[in-house]
Protein backbone atom coordinates (compact mmCIF):
# COMPACT_ATOMS: atom_id res chain seq x y z
CA MET A 1 -6.54 22.78 2.32
CA HIS A 2 -7.36 19.57 0.71
CA ALA A 3 -10.34 18.75 2.53
CA ILE A 4 -14.01 17.51 2.13
CA GLN A 5 -15.78 21.08 1.38
CA THR A 6 -18.72 21.84 3.71
CA TRP A 7 -21.44 21.37 1.71
CA ALA A 8 -20.15 17.55 1.17
CA LEU A 9 -19.82 16.55 4.50
CA SER A 10 -23.50 17.77 5.38
CA GLU A 11 -24.31 14.95 2.51
CA VAL A 12 -21.98 12.45 4.24
CA LEU A 13 -23.80 13.02 7.35
CA LYS A 14 -27.31 12.92 5.71
CA HIS A 15 -27.06 8.89 5.08
CA ASN A 16 -24.44 8.32 8.11
CA ASP A 17 -25.37 7.29 11.55
CA ILE A 18 -21.76 5.79 12.22
CA VAL A 19 -20.06 8.72 14.01
CA ARG A 20 -17.50 7.61 16.21
CA ASN A 21 -15.18 9.56 19.16
CA TYR A 22 -11.91 8.42 19.81
CA GLU A 23 -9.70 9.58 22.58
CA ALA A 24 -5.91 10.61 22.10
CA GLY A 25 -3.96 7.84 21.92
CA ASP A 26 -7.19 5.34 20.31
CA THR A 27 -6.14 2.71 17.47
CA VAL A 28 -9.32 3.54 15.01
CA PHE A 29 -7.37 0.52 12.42
CA LYS A 30 -4.33 -1.35 12.43
CA ALA A 31 -1.97 -2.24 9.28
CA GLY A 32 -2.83 -5.66 8.39
CA ASP A 33 -6.87 -4.80 9.42
CA SER A 34 -9.34 -5.16 6.41
CA GLY A 35 -10.42 -2.33 4.63
CA ASN A 36 -14.76 -2.09 5.55
CA PHE A 37 -14.35 1.57 6.12
CA MET A 38 -12.97 5.05 5.55
CA ALA A 39 -13.29 8.08 7.33
CA VAL A 40 -14.37 11.26 7.24
CA LEU A 41 -12.48 12.99 10.21
CA LEU A 42 -15.20 15.61 11.54
CA GLN A 43 -12.86 17.21 14.69
CA GLY A 44 -9.61 16.40 15.44
CA GLU A 45 -5.91 15.16 14.50
CA VAL A 46 -5.62 11.65 13.17
CA GLU A 47 -1.81 10.12 12.83
CA ILE A 48 -1.23 7.64 9.87
CA ARG A 49 2.06 5.34 11.47
CA LYS A 50 3.88 2.32 10.11
CA GLN A 51 5.57 1.48 12.66
CA ASP A 52 6.83 3.78 14.80
CA GLU A 53 7.08 6.30 11.55
CA VAL A 54 4.65 9.11 11.03
CA LEU A 55 3.57 9.26 7.92
CA THR A 56 1.59 12.35 7.17
CA MET A 57 -1.12 13.99 9.74
CA VAL A 58 -5.23 14.19 8.98
CA GLU A 59 -6.66 17.29 10.12
CA ALA A 60 -10.73 17.47 10.50
CA GLY A 61 -12.25 18.20 7.57
CA SER A 62 -10.04 15.61 5.04
CA ILE A 63 -10.43 11.80 4.92
CA PHE A 64 -8.51 8.51 5.99
CA GLY A 65 -8.97 4.69 5.33
CA GLU A 66 -9.79 5.37 1.59
CA LEU A 67 -7.18 3.36 -0.03
CA ALA A 68 -8.20 0.02 1.52
CA LEU A 69 -11.68 0.52 1.00
CA ILE A 70 -11.04 1.31 -2.75
CA ASP A 71 -9.08 -1.27 -4.13
CA HIS A 72 -9.90 -4.41 -0.71
CA GLN A 73 -6.01 -5.10 0.18
CA PRO A 74 -5.51 -4.88 4.28
CA ARG A 75 -4.97 -2.04 5.84
CA SER A 76 -1.31 -0.54 4.74
CA ALA A 77 -0.77 1.81 8.41
CA ASP A 78 -2.29 2.40 11.66
CA ALA A 79 -4.27 5.02 11.97
CA VAL A 80 -4.63 6.44 15.43
CA ALA A 81 -5.79 10.07 16.90
CA ARG A 82 -3.21 12.10 18.25
CA THR A 83 -5.86 14.03 20.23
CA ALA A 84 -9.39 13.79 20.98
CA CYS A 85 -11.26 13.32 18.03
CA ARG A 86 -14.80 12.20 16.15
CA ALA A 87 -15.10 10.97 12.84
CA ALA A 88 -17.60 9.20 10.61
CA LEU A 89 -17.13 5.82 9.29
CA ILE A 90 -17.86 5.37 5.87
CA ASN A 91 -18.86 1.54 4.31
CA GLU A 92 -18.61 0.01 1.00
CA ALA A 93 -21.97 0.67 0.55
CA HIS A 94 -22.26 4.47 1.98
CA PHE A 95 -19.42 5.01 -0.27
CA TYR A 96 -20.27 4.04 -3.50
CA ARG A 97 -24.03 5.76 -2.91
CA LEU A 98 -22.24 9.13 -1.93
CA VAL A 99 -19.85 8.54 -5.16
CA GLU A 100 -23.37 8.27 -7.04
CA GLN A 101 -25.51 10.47 -6.15
CA THR A 102 -23.21 13.07 -5.73
CA PRO A 103 -19.92 12.89 -7.68
CA SER A 104 -18.70 16.29 -6.62
CA PHE A 105 -17.83 13.81 -3.39
CA ALA A 106 -16.35 11.64 -5.59
CA LEU A 107 -13.89 14.54 -6.91
CA ALA A 108 -13.46 15.53 -3.46
CA VAL A 109 -11.51 12.02 -2.87
CA MET A 110 -9.67 12.56 -6.08
CA ARG A 111 -8.22 15.58 -5.29
CA ILE A 112 -7.30 14.64 -1.65
CA LEU A 113 -5.37 11.27 -3.33
CA THR A 114 -3.60 13.47 -5.99
CA HIS A 115 -2.27 15.49 -3.87
CA ARG A 116 -1.22 13.42 -1.45
CA LEU A 117 0.37 11.79 -4.33
CA ARG A 118 2.23 14.99 -5.65
CA LEU A 119 3.44 15.15 -2.46
CA ASN A 120 5.15 11.64 -1.80
CA LEU A 121 6.37 12.40 -5.41
CA ASN A 122 8.45 15.50 -4.40
CA SER A 123 9.52 14.56 -1.48
């Protein structure tokens, strides 16, 4: 499973007071929105959609929204709660702090990104 490990989740939550709850069907963000945060999904499932097509499903322990945060481009897809869920929202300053103070967090993010890239290359 490609997820943020439990120890890294505790680091994420240690400095982050922005935990949001979403009901099934709630939009977390829309394509075209600014990428001012990424999310670590703590509970539930989120669909990443482009128009009406589900591109991928994000499960608890993984991340989403990181691309727009990293490259400062608009969101490329919608993120919609498939089930009731809970997510820790990480802004850019918090992301940089995590990368600087917890290099293993950065490595976990890179592993998730490379896993997704390989899936896309093989499909």
